[in-house]
Amino acid sequence: MTLVKSQLTLQEFLALPEGDITYELVDGKAKPKMAPKRFHSRLTLTLSQFLALWAKNRGEVGIEWAVTLKRQGRDWVPVPDLLFVSYSRLNSDVIADEPCPIPPDLAIEIISPDQTFGEMSAKATDYLDAGVLRVWVVDAKAKTVTVFYPDARPQTKTGEDSLEDALLEGLQITPAQIFQQAGIP
């Protein structure tokens, strides 16, 4: 059995061995991330397909790519379900195998069955405070995508509402397209 000290530094956290469980660094502690279930997995795949097609020559899409950020003045390493970071923010020749070193343009979190919208809204606010430009919180039960902005109130999109955004120029999708392609009843 491996003992983990109660407060980890960023360097200690990043040096932990990889395993079957994904961890996030939150308040100096390695916090396990929930294992995705079927709908969560389908949504991750669908969103990554939409984003990958759109992101070609624009930036990089990551699935569960950790990000080194600050949260309330402390090191924070969240693992968003998906992220997009533009080449204008992350040089395309960066090839290190490490967490994303800068706040991404977009972080996407899909609500798991044991999570609440309120918890994910708080996490979205933390992302924005850390310099992430947009956060999408995807709710499979409600079939919604709530978009969080650093300078405006969140907007919840449903059905044929467009997720079009000047930040993600040219990305034209709707929640209906996402949930239909993912096969979410």
N, C-alpha and C. Protein backbone atom coordinates (compact mmCIF):
# COMPACT_ATOMS: atom_id res chain seq x y z
N MET A 1 0.84 -1.17 0.00
CA MET A 1 0.00 0.00 0.00
C MET A 1 0.89 1.25 0.00
N THR A 2 0.58 2.18 -0.88
CA THR A 2 1.34 3.41 -0.99
C THR A 2 0.69 4.49 -0.14
N LEU A 3 1.48 5.13 0.69
CA LEU A 3 0.96 6.22 1.49
C LEU A 3 1.23 7.52 0.75
N VAL A 4 0.23 8.37 0.68
CA VAL A 4 0.36 9.66 0.03
C VAL A 4 0.21 10.72 1.11
N LYS A 5 1.20 11.64 1.18
CA LYS A 5 1.11 12.68 2.20
C LYS A 5 -0.12 13.55 1.96
N SER A 6 -0.58 14.21 3.00
CA SER A 6 -1.85 14.92 2.92
C SER A 6 -1.80 16.14 2.01
N GLN A 7 -0.67 16.82 1.88
CA GLN A 7 -0.56 17.99 1.02
C GLN A 7 0.55 17.76 0.00
N LEU A 8 0.18 17.74 -1.27
CA LEU A 8 1.14 17.52 -2.34
C LEU A 8 1.50 18.84 -3.01
N THR A 9 2.75 18.99 -3.37
CA THR A 9 3.14 20.12 -4.20
C THR A 9 2.79 19.76 -5.65
N LEU A 10 2.82 20.75 -6.52
CA LEU A 10 2.57 20.50 -7.93
C LEU A 10 3.58 19.49 -8.47
N GLN A 11 4.83 19.65 -8.12
CA GLN A 11 5.87 18.75 -8.61
C GLN A 11 5.65 17.32 -8.11
N GLU A 12 5.28 17.17 -6.85
CA GLU A 12 5.01 15.84 -6.30
C GLU A 12 3.80 15.20 -6.99
N PHE A 13 2.77 16.00 -7.22
CA PHE A 13 1.58 15.48 -7.90
C PHE A 13 1.93 15.01 -9.31
N LEU A 14 2.66 15.84 -10.06
CA LEU A 14 3.01 15.48 -11.44
C LEU A 14 3.95 14.28 -11.51
N ALA A 15 4.67 14.00 -10.41
CA ALA A 15 5.60 12.87 -10.38
C ALA A 15 4.92 11.56 -9.96
N LEU A 16 3.64 11.63 -9.55
CA LEU A 16 2.94 10.40 -9.17
C LEU A 16 2.89 9.45 -10.36
N PRO A 17 2.99 8.15 -10.12
CA PRO A 17 2.94 7.20 -11.24
C PRO A 17 1.55 7.17 -11.87
N GLU A 18 1.53 6.95 -13.18
CA GLU A 18 0.25 6.82 -13.88
C GLU A 18 -0.35 5.47 -13.51
N GLY A 19 -1.67 5.43 -13.53
CA GLY A 19 -2.35 4.18 -13.20
C GLY A 19 -3.71 4.14 -13.86
N ASP A 20 -4.56 3.27 -13.36
CA ASP A 20 -5.89 3.11 -13.93
C ASP A 20 -6.84 4.21 -13.51
N ILE A 21 -6.50 4.96 -12.47
CA ILE A 21 -7.36 6.01 -11.96
C ILE A 21 -6.76 7.36 -12.35
N THR A 22 -7.60 8.26 -12.83
CA THR A 22 -7.18 9.61 -13.16
C THR A 22 -7.41 10.48 -11.93
N TYR A 23 -6.40 11.28 -11.59
CA TYR A 23 -6.50 12.16 -10.42
C TYR A 23 -6.41 13.62 -10.86
N GLU A 24 -7.04 14.48 -10.07
CA GLU A 24 -6.91 15.92 -10.20
C GLU A 24 -6.25 16.43 -8.92
N LEU A 25 -5.44 17.47 -9.04
CA LEU A 25 -4.86 18.10 -7.86
C LEU A 25 -5.80 19.22 -7.43
N VAL A 26 -6.38 19.06 -6.24
CA VAL A 26 -7.33 20.04 -5.71
C VAL A 26 -6.96 20.30 -4.25
N ASP A 27 -6.65 21.55 -3.94
CA ASP A 27 -6.30 21.94 -2.57
C ASP A 27 -5.17 21.08 -1.99
N GLY A 28 -4.18 20.78 -2.83
CA GLY A 28 -3.02 20.02 -2.37
C GLY A 28 -3.25 18.53 -2.24
N LYS A 29 -4.40 18.05 -2.69
CA LYS A 29 -4.71 16.61 -2.56
C LYS A 29 -4.99 16.01 -3.94
N ALA A 30 -4.58 14.75 -4.10
CA ALA A 30 -4.88 14.00 -5.32
C ALA A 30 -6.31 13.47 -5.18
N LYS A 31 -7.21 14.02 -5.98
CA LYS A 31 -8.62 13.65 -5.90
C LYS A 31 -8.97 12.78 -7.11
N PRO A 32 -9.47 11.56 -6.89
CA PRO A 32 -9.81 10.70 -8.03
C PRO A 32 -10.97 11.26 -8.84
N LYS A 33 -10.84 11.15 -10.15
CA LYS A 33 -11.91 11.57 -11.05
C LYS A 33 -12.78 10.35 -11.32
N MET A 34 -14.09 10.57 -11.43
CA MET A 34 -15.02 9.46 -11.65
C MET A 34 -14.75 8.78 -12.99
N ALA A 35 -14.88 7.47 -13.00
CA ALA A 35 -14.76 6.73 -14.25
C ALA A 35 -16.02 6.99 -15.08
N PRO A 36 -15.85 7.37 -16.35
CA PRO A 36 -17.01 7.66 -17.19
C PRO A 36 -17.90 6.45 -17.41
N LYS A 37 -19.19 6.71 -17.48
CA LYS A 37 -20.16 5.67 -17.81
C LYS A 37 -20.55 5.80 -19.28
N ARG A 38 -21.50 5.02 -19.73
CA ARG A 38 -21.83 4.91 -21.15
C ARG A 38 -22.17 6.26 -21.81
N PHE A 39 -23.14 7.00 -21.28
CA PHE A 39 -23.56 8.25 -21.92
C PHE A 39 -22.43 9.28 -21.89
N HIS A 40 -21.71 9.31 -20.78
CA HIS A 40 -20.57 10.21 -20.65
C HIS A 40 -19.54 9.89 -21.73
N SER A 41 -19.25 8.62 -21.90
CA SER A 41 -18.28 8.18 -22.91
C SER A 41 -18.74 8.55 -24.32
N ARG A 42 -20.01 8.32 -24.59
CA ARG A 42 -20.56 8.66 -25.92
C ARG A 42 -20.48 10.16 -26.19
N LEU A 43 -20.79 10.96 -25.18
CA LEU A 43 -20.72 12.40 -25.35
C LEU A 43 -19.28 12.87 -25.56
N THR A 44 -18.35 12.28 -24.83
CA THR A 44 -16.94 12.62 -25.01
C THR A 44 -16.51 12.32 -26.44
N LEU A 45 -16.86 11.16 -26.93
CA LEU A 45 -16.48 10.77 -28.30
C LEU A 45 -17.11 11.71 -29.32
N THR A 46 -18.39 11.97 -29.18
CA THR A 46 -19.09 12.85 -30.12
C THR A 46 -18.51 14.25 -30.12
N LEU A 47 -18.35 14.82 -28.96
CA LEU A 47 -17.79 16.18 -28.88
C LEU A 47 -16.37 16.22 -29.43
N SER A 48 -15.59 15.19 -29.16
CA SER A 48 -14.21 15.18 -29.68
C SER A 48 -14.21 15.10 -31.20
N GLN A 49 -15.16 14.38 -31.78
CA GLN A 49 -15.25 14.30 -33.24
C GLN A 49 -15.62 15.65 -33.84
N PHE A 50 -16.63 16.31 -33.28
CA PHE A 50 -17.02 17.64 -33.77
C PHE A 50 -15.84 18.61 -33.65
N LEU A 51 -15.21 18.62 -32.47
CA LEU A 51 -14.11 19.56 -32.25
C LEU A 51 -12.89 19.26 -33.12
N ALA A 52 -12.56 17.98 -33.27
CA ALA A 52 -11.38 17.62 -34.06
C ALA A 52 -11.52 18.06 -35.52
N LEU A 53 -12.71 17.86 -36.09
CA LEU A 53 -12.93 18.30 -37.47
C LEU A 53 -12.79 19.81 -37.60
N TRP A 54 -13.36 20.53 -36.65
CA TRP A 54 -13.31 21.99 -36.68
C TRP A 54 -11.91 22.52 -36.36
N ALA A 55 -11.18 21.88 -35.45
CA ALA A 55 -9.93 22.41 -34.92
C ALA A 55 -8.72 22.23 -35.83
N LYS A 56 -8.87 21.45 -36.89
CA LYS A 56 -7.73 21.22 -37.78
C LYS A 56 -7.11 22.55 -38.19
N ASN A 57 -5.81 22.69 -37.97
CA ASN A 57 -5.03 23.90 -38.25
C ASN A 57 -5.38 25.09 -37.35
N ARG A 58 -6.25 24.88 -36.37
CA ARG A 58 -6.61 25.96 -35.44
C ARG A 58 -5.98 25.76 -34.07
N GLY A 59 -5.86 24.49 -33.68
CA GLY A 59 -5.37 24.21 -32.34
C GLY A 59 -5.48 22.73 -32.04
N GLU A 60 -5.35 22.42 -30.78
CA GLU A 60 -5.33 21.03 -30.34
C GLU A 60 -6.52 20.71 -29.45
N VAL A 61 -7.12 19.56 -29.69
CA VAL A 61 -8.20 19.05 -28.87
C VAL A 61 -7.63 17.96 -27.98
N GLY A 62 -7.93 18.01 -26.70
CA GLY A 62 -7.45 17.00 -25.77
C GLY A 62 -8.60 16.34 -25.05
N ILE A 63 -8.51 15.03 -24.90
CA ILE A 63 -9.47 14.26 -24.10
C ILE A 63 -8.79 13.93 -22.78
N GLU A 64 -9.39 14.38 -21.69
CA GLU A 64 -8.84 14.18 -20.35
C GLU A 64 -7.36 14.54 -20.30
N TRP A 65 -7.04 15.72 -20.85
CA TRP A 65 -5.67 16.25 -20.80
C TRP A 65 -5.61 17.20 -19.61
N ALA A 66 -4.82 16.86 -18.62
CA ALA A 66 -4.68 17.68 -17.43
C ALA A 66 -4.17 19.07 -17.80
N VAL A 67 -4.51 20.06 -16.97
CA VAL A 67 -4.11 21.44 -17.19
C VAL A 67 -3.53 21.98 -15.88
N THR A 68 -2.39 22.64 -15.94
CA THR A 68 -1.83 23.26 -14.73
C THR A 68 -2.35 24.70 -14.64
N LEU A 69 -3.13 24.94 -13.59
CA LEU A 69 -3.75 26.24 -13.36
C LEU A 69 -3.57 26.64 -11.91
N LYS A 70 -4.11 27.80 -11.56
CA LYS A 70 -4.17 28.25 -10.16
C LYS A 70 -5.62 28.39 -9.77
N ARG A 71 -5.94 27.95 -8.57
CA ARG A 71 -7.30 28.07 -8.03
C ARG A 71 -7.17 28.66 -6.63
N GLN A 72 -7.73 29.83 -6.44
CA GLN A 72 -7.65 30.52 -5.15
C GLN A 72 -6.21 30.61 -4.66
N GLY A 73 -5.29 30.90 -5.61
CA GLY A 73 -3.88 31.09 -5.28
C GLY A 73 -3.07 29.82 -5.12
N ARG A 74 -3.68 28.67 -5.28
CA ARG A 74 -2.98 27.39 -5.10
C ARG A 74 -2.90 26.65 -6.43
N ASP A 75 -1.88 25.81 -6.54
CA ASP A 75 -1.77 24.97 -7.73
C ASP A 75 -3.01 24.10 -7.86
N TRP A 76 -3.49 23.99 -9.08
CA TRP A 76 -4.70 23.22 -9.37
C TRP A 76 -4.45 22.51 -10.69
N VAL A 77 -4.70 21.22 -10.72
CA VAL A 77 -4.54 20.45 -11.95
C VAL A 77 -5.85 19.71 -12.22
N PRO A 78 -6.80 20.40 -12.85
CA PRO A 78 -8.04 19.72 -13.24
C PRO A 78 -7.80 18.90 -14.50
N VAL A 79 -8.69 17.96 -14.73
CA VAL A 79 -8.65 17.13 -15.93
C VAL A 79 -10.01 17.26 -16.61
N PRO A 80 -10.17 18.28 -17.46
CA PRO A 80 -11.47 18.43 -18.13
C PRO A 80 -11.74 17.23 -19.04
N ASP A 81 -13.00 16.93 -19.24
CA ASP A 81 -13.34 15.82 -20.13
C ASP A 81 -12.78 16.07 -21.53
N LEU A 82 -12.86 17.31 -21.98
CA LEU A 82 -12.27 17.72 -23.25
C LEU A 82 -11.76 19.14 -23.10
N LEU A 83 -10.79 19.48 -23.93
CA LEU A 83 -10.37 20.87 -24.00
C LEU A 83 -9.93 21.18 -25.41
N PHE A 84 -9.96 22.46 -25.72
CA PHE A 84 -9.40 22.97 -26.97
C PHE A 84 -8.48 24.10 -26.60
N VAL A 85 -7.26 24.06 -27.14
CA VAL A 85 -6.32 25.15 -26.96
C VAL A 85 -5.81 25.55 -28.34
N SER A 86 -5.96 26.83 -28.66
CA SER A 86 -5.60 27.33 -29.99
C SER A 86 -4.09 27.44 -30.12
N TYR A 87 -3.64 27.35 -31.36
CA TYR A 87 -2.22 27.52 -31.62
C TYR A 87 -1.76 28.94 -31.34
N SER A 88 -2.67 29.89 -31.26
CA SER A 88 -2.26 31.24 -30.89
C SER A 88 -1.90 31.31 -29.40
N ARG A 89 -2.41 30.37 -28.62
CA ARG A 89 -2.09 30.30 -27.18
C ARG A 89 -1.01 29.26 -26.90
N LEU A 90 -1.03 28.16 -27.63
CA LEU A 90 -0.08 27.06 -27.44
C LEU A 90 0.63 26.84 -28.77
N ASN A 91 1.90 27.11 -28.78
CA ASN A 91 2.67 26.95 -30.01
C ASN A 91 2.55 25.53 -30.54
N SER A 92 2.33 25.37 -31.83
CA SER A 92 2.09 24.05 -32.43
C SER A 92 3.31 23.15 -32.38
N ASP A 93 4.50 23.69 -32.07
CA ASP A 93 5.67 22.82 -32.00
C ASP A 93 5.96 22.32 -30.58
N VAL A 94 5.10 22.64 -29.63
CA VAL A 94 5.24 22.11 -28.27
C VAL A 94 4.87 20.64 -28.31
N ILE A 95 5.82 19.78 -27.96
CA ILE A 95 5.57 18.34 -28.06
C ILE A 95 5.84 17.60 -26.75
N ALA A 96 6.05 18.32 -25.66
CA ALA A 96 6.31 17.68 -24.38
C ALA A 96 5.10 16.86 -23.94
N ASP A 97 5.36 15.74 -23.30
CA ASP A 97 4.30 14.89 -22.77
C ASP A 97 4.04 15.31 -21.33
N GLU A 98 3.22 16.34 -21.18
CA GLU A 98 2.97 16.92 -19.88
C GLU A 98 1.57 17.53 -19.87
N PRO A 99 1.11 17.96 -18.70
CA PRO A 99 -0.17 18.67 -18.68
C PRO A 99 -0.11 19.91 -19.56
N CYS A 100 -1.27 20.34 -20.02
CA CYS A 100 -1.34 21.57 -20.81
C CYS A 100 -0.80 22.70 -19.94
N PRO A 101 0.21 23.43 -20.43
CA PRO A 101 0.88 24.41 -19.59
C PRO A 101 0.19 25.77 -19.51
N ILE A 102 -0.89 25.96 -20.28
CA ILE A 102 -1.58 27.25 -20.28
C ILE A 102 -3.09 27.03 -20.20
N PRO A 103 -3.83 28.02 -19.76
CA PRO A 103 -5.28 27.86 -19.74
C PRO A 103 -5.80 27.67 -21.18
N PRO A 104 -6.62 26.66 -21.40
CA PRO A 104 -7.16 26.45 -22.74
C PRO A 104 -8.21 27.50 -23.11
N ASP A 105 -8.51 27.56 -24.40
CA ASP A 105 -9.59 28.42 -24.88
C ASP A 105 -10.93 27.88 -24.37
N LEU A 106 -11.08 26.55 -24.40
CA LEU A 106 -12.35 25.90 -24.05
C LEU A 106 -12.08 24.67 -23.19
N ALA A 107 -12.79 24.58 -22.08
CA ALA A 107 -12.80 23.37 -21.25
C ALA A 107 -14.23 22.85 -21.24
N ILE A 108 -14.38 21.54 -21.43
CA ILE A 108 -15.72 20.93 -21.43
C ILE A 108 -15.78 19.91 -20.31
N GLU A 109 -16.80 20.04 -19.48
CA GLU A 109 -17.08 19.08 -18.41
C GLU A 109 -18.46 18.48 -18.64
N ILE A 110 -18.53 17.16 -18.59
CA ILE A 110 -19.78 16.43 -18.75
C ILE A 110 -20.21 15.96 -17.36
N ILE A 111 -21.41 16.31 -16.97
CA ILE A 111 -21.89 15.96 -15.63
C ILE A 111 -22.06 14.45 -15.52
N SER A 112 -21.40 13.86 -14.51
CA SER A 112 -21.53 12.44 -14.21
C SER A 112 -22.73 12.24 -13.29
N PRO A 113 -23.26 11.01 -13.23
CA PRO A 113 -24.46 10.77 -12.40
C PRO A 113 -24.33 11.20 -10.94
N ASP A 114 -23.12 11.16 -10.38
CA ASP A 114 -22.96 11.52 -8.97
C ASP A 114 -22.60 12.99 -8.77
N GLN A 115 -22.60 13.77 -9.84
CA GLN A 115 -22.28 15.19 -9.75
C GLN A 115 -23.54 16.03 -9.92
N THR A 116 -23.49 17.24 -9.40
CA THR A 116 -24.62 18.15 -9.56
C THR A 116 -24.23 19.28 -10.51
N PHE A 117 -25.24 19.91 -11.07
CA PHE A 117 -24.99 21.07 -11.92
C PHE A 117 -24.31 22.16 -11.10
N GLY A 118 -24.71 22.31 -9.85
CA GLY A 118 -24.10 23.32 -8.98
C GLY A 118 -22.61 23.10 -8.80
N GLU A 119 -22.21 21.85 -8.58
CA GLU A 119 -20.78 21.53 -8.44
C GLU A 119 -20.02 21.87 -9.72
N MET A 120 -20.62 21.54 -10.85
CA MET A 120 -19.95 21.79 -12.12
C MET A 120 -19.94 23.28 -12.45
N SER A 121 -20.95 24.01 -12.02
CA SER A 121 -20.96 25.47 -12.20
C SER A 121 -19.83 26.11 -11.40
N ALA A 122 -19.63 25.63 -10.18
CA ALA A 122 -18.53 26.15 -9.35
C ALA A 122 -17.19 25.85 -10.01
N LYS A 123 -17.05 24.66 -10.57
CA LYS A 123 -15.81 24.30 -11.25
C LYS A 123 -15.62 25.17 -12.49
N ALA A 124 -16.71 25.45 -13.21
CA ALA A 124 -16.64 26.32 -14.39
C ALA A 124 -16.15 27.71 -13.98
N THR A 125 -16.64 28.22 -12.87
CA THR A 125 -16.20 29.52 -12.37
C THR A 125 -14.71 29.49 -12.04
N ASP A 126 -14.27 28.40 -11.42
CA ASP A 126 -12.84 28.26 -11.12
C ASP A 126 -12.01 28.25 -12.40
N TYR A 127 -12.48 27.56 -13.42
CA TYR A 127 -11.78 27.57 -14.71
C TYR A 127 -11.66 29.00 -15.25
N LEU A 128 -12.77 29.72 -15.26
CA LEU A 128 -12.75 31.10 -15.78
C LEU A 128 -11.81 31.98 -14.97
N ASP A 129 -11.84 31.85 -13.64
CA ASP A 129 -10.96 32.63 -12.78
C ASP A 129 -9.48 32.31 -13.05
N ALA A 130 -9.22 31.10 -13.55
CA ALA A 130 -7.84 30.67 -13.84
C ALA A 130 -7.40 31.04 -15.25
N GLY A 131 -8.27 31.68 -16.03
CA GLY A 131 -7.88 32.14 -17.36
C GLY A 131 -8.43 31.35 -18.53
N VAL A 132 -9.24 30.33 -18.28
CA VAL A 132 -9.90 29.60 -19.37
C VAL A 132 -10.93 30.56 -19.97
N LEU A 133 -11.02 30.60 -21.29
CA LEU A 133 -11.87 31.59 -21.95
C LEU A 133 -13.34 31.20 -22.05
N ARG A 134 -13.62 29.90 -22.20
CA ARG A 134 -15.00 29.40 -22.24
C ARG A 134 -15.03 28.05 -21.53
N VAL A 135 -16.17 27.78 -20.92
CA VAL A 135 -16.41 26.48 -20.30
C VAL A 135 -17.79 26.02 -20.72
N TRP A 136 -17.87 24.77 -21.18
CA TRP A 136 -19.16 24.15 -21.47
C TRP A 136 -19.41 23.10 -20.41
N VAL A 137 -20.58 23.14 -19.80
CA VAL A 137 -21.02 22.09 -18.89
C VAL A 137 -22.16 21.36 -19.61
N VAL A 138 -21.94 20.08 -19.88
CA VAL A 138 -22.88 19.28 -20.66
C VAL A 138 -23.67 18.38 -19.71
N ASP A 139 -24.98 18.46 -19.83
CA ASP A 139 -25.87 17.68 -18.96
C ASP A 139 -26.66 16.70 -19.82
N ALA A 140 -26.31 15.41 -19.73
CA ALA A 140 -26.96 14.37 -20.55
C ALA A 140 -28.42 14.19 -20.16
N LYS A 141 -28.74 14.33 -18.88
CA LYS A 141 -30.13 14.15 -18.44
C LYS A 141 -31.03 15.25 -18.99
N ALA A 142 -30.59 16.48 -18.89
CA ALA A 142 -31.40 17.62 -19.34
C ALA A 142 -31.20 17.91 -20.83
N LYS A 143 -30.20 17.26 -21.43
CA LYS A 143 -29.84 17.50 -22.83
C LYS A 143 -29.56 18.99 -23.09
N THR A 144 -28.69 19.53 -22.22
CA THR A 144 -28.32 20.93 -22.34
C THR A 144 -26.81 21.09 -22.36
N VAL A 145 -26.38 22.23 -22.91
CA VAL A 145 -24.99 22.67 -22.83
C VAL A 145 -25.04 24.08 -22.27
N THR A 146 -24.47 24.28 -21.10
CA THR A 146 -24.42 25.60 -20.51
C THR A 146 -23.03 26.18 -20.78
N VAL A 147 -23.03 27.36 -21.39
CA VAL A 147 -21.79 28.02 -21.77
C VAL A 147 -21.48 29.10 -20.74
N PHE A 148 -20.29 29.02 -20.15
CA PHE A 148 -19.83 29.99 -19.16
C PHE A 148 -18.82 30.92 -19.81
N TYR A 149 -18.99 32.22 -19.56
CA TYR A 149 -18.15 33.27 -20.13
C TYR A 149 -17.46 34.02 -19.00
N PRO A 150 -16.27 34.59 -19.24
CA PRO A 150 -15.62 35.35 -18.17
C PRO A 150 -16.27 36.70 -17.89
N ASP A 151 -17.02 37.23 -18.87
CA ASP A 151 -17.54 38.59 -18.73
C ASP A 151 -19.05 38.69 -18.94
N ALA A 152 -19.75 37.55 -18.83
CA ALA A 152 -21.21 37.56 -19.01
C ALA A 152 -21.81 36.39 -18.23
N ARG A 153 -23.12 36.45 -18.08
CA ARG A 153 -23.82 35.36 -17.38
C ARG A 153 -23.80 34.10 -18.24
N PRO A 154 -23.83 32.93 -17.60
CA PRO A 154 -23.88 31.68 -18.38
C PRO A 154 -25.16 31.62 -19.21
N GLN A 155 -25.09 30.91 -20.32
CA GLN A 155 -26.26 30.70 -21.17
C GLN A 155 -26.46 29.21 -21.35
N THR A 156 -27.66 28.74 -21.08
CA THR A 156 -27.98 27.33 -21.27
C THR A 156 -28.62 27.15 -22.63
N LYS A 157 -28.01 26.27 -23.43
CA LYS A 157 -28.47 26.00 -24.79
C LYS A 157 -29.15 24.64 -24.83
N THR A 158 -30.27 24.59 -25.57
CA THR A 158 -31.01 23.34 -25.73
C THR A 158 -31.39 23.18 -27.20
N GLY A 159 -31.78 21.96 -27.56
CA GLY A 159 -32.32 21.69 -28.89
C GLY A 159 -31.50 22.28 -30.02
N GLU A 160 -32.15 23.13 -30.81
CA GLU A 160 -31.51 23.71 -32.00
C GLU A 160 -30.80 25.04 -31.72
N ASP A 161 -30.65 25.41 -30.44
CA ASP A 161 -29.88 26.61 -30.11
C ASP A 161 -28.45 26.43 -30.62
N SER A 162 -27.91 27.46 -31.21
CA SER A 162 -26.55 27.39 -31.73
C SER A 162 -25.52 27.58 -30.62
N LEU A 163 -24.44 26.82 -30.71
CA LEU A 163 -23.31 27.00 -29.81
C LEU A 163 -22.24 27.88 -30.45
N GLU A 164 -22.64 28.58 -31.50
CA GLU A 164 -21.73 29.46 -32.21
C GLU A 164 -21.18 30.51 -31.26
N ASP A 165 -19.89 30.83 -31.43
CA ASP A 165 -19.20 31.72 -30.51
C ASP A 165 -18.04 32.36 -31.26
N ALA A 166 -17.87 33.66 -31.13
CA ALA A 166 -16.78 34.36 -31.82
C ALA A 166 -15.42 33.77 -31.44
N LEU A 167 -15.28 33.27 -30.22
CA LEU A 167 -14.03 32.65 -29.79
C LEU A 167 -13.72 31.38 -30.58
N LEU A 168 -14.78 30.65 -30.93
CA LEU A 168 -14.64 29.38 -31.65
C LEU A 168 -15.18 29.55 -33.07
N GLU A 169 -14.67 30.55 -33.76
CA GLU A 169 -15.16 30.95 -35.07
C GLU A 169 -15.26 29.76 -36.03
N GLY A 170 -16.43 29.62 -36.61
CA GLY A 170 -16.67 28.57 -37.59
C GLY A 170 -17.21 27.27 -37.02
N LEU A 171 -17.20 27.12 -35.69
CA LEU A 171 -17.76 25.91 -35.07
C LEU A 171 -19.27 26.09 -34.99
N GLN A 172 -20.00 25.30 -35.76
CA GLN A 172 -21.44 25.43 -35.81
C GLN A 172 -22.09 24.10 -35.45
N ILE A 173 -22.47 23.99 -34.19
CA ILE A 173 -23.18 22.79 -33.72
C ILE A 173 -24.27 23.22 -32.75
N THR A 174 -25.18 22.30 -32.51
CA THR A 174 -26.27 22.54 -31.58
C THR A 174 -26.31 21.40 -30.56
N PRO A 175 -26.92 21.62 -29.41
CA PRO A 175 -27.09 20.51 -28.47
C PRO A 175 -27.83 19.33 -29.12
N ALA A 176 -28.85 19.62 -29.94
CA ALA A 176 -29.59 18.52 -30.59
C ALA A 176 -28.66 17.65 -31.42
N GLN A 177 -27.75 18.26 -32.16
CA GLN A 177 -26.80 17.48 -32.97
C GLN A 177 -25.90 16.64 -32.08
N ILE A 178 -25.43 17.21 -31.01
CA ILE A 178 -24.53 16.51 -30.10
C ILE A 178 -25.22 15.28 -29.50
N PHE A 179 -26.40 15.51 -28.92
CA PHE A 179 -27.08 14.41 -28.22
C PHE A 179 -27.60 13.36 -29.20
N GLN A 180 -28.03 13.79 -30.38
CA GLN A 180 -28.50 12.83 -31.39
C GLN A 180 -27.34 11.96 -31.87
N GLN A 181 -26.22 12.58 -32.21
CA GLN A 181 -25.08 11.79 -32.70
C GLN A 181 -24.54 10.86 -31.60
N ALA A 182 -24.63 11.30 -30.35
CA ALA A 182 -24.16 10.47 -29.23
C ALA A 182 -25.14 9.36 -28.90
N GLY A 183 -26.34 9.41 -29.48
CA GLY A 183 -27.34 8.37 -29.20
C GLY A 183 -27.90 8.45 -27.80
N ILE A 184 -28.01 9.66 -27.28
CA ILE A 184 -28.57 9.84 -25.93
C ILE A 184 -30.08 9.96 -26.05
N PRO A 185 -30.81 9.02 -25.44
CA PRO A 185 -32.29 9.03 -25.57
C PRO A 185 -32.93 10.19 -24.82
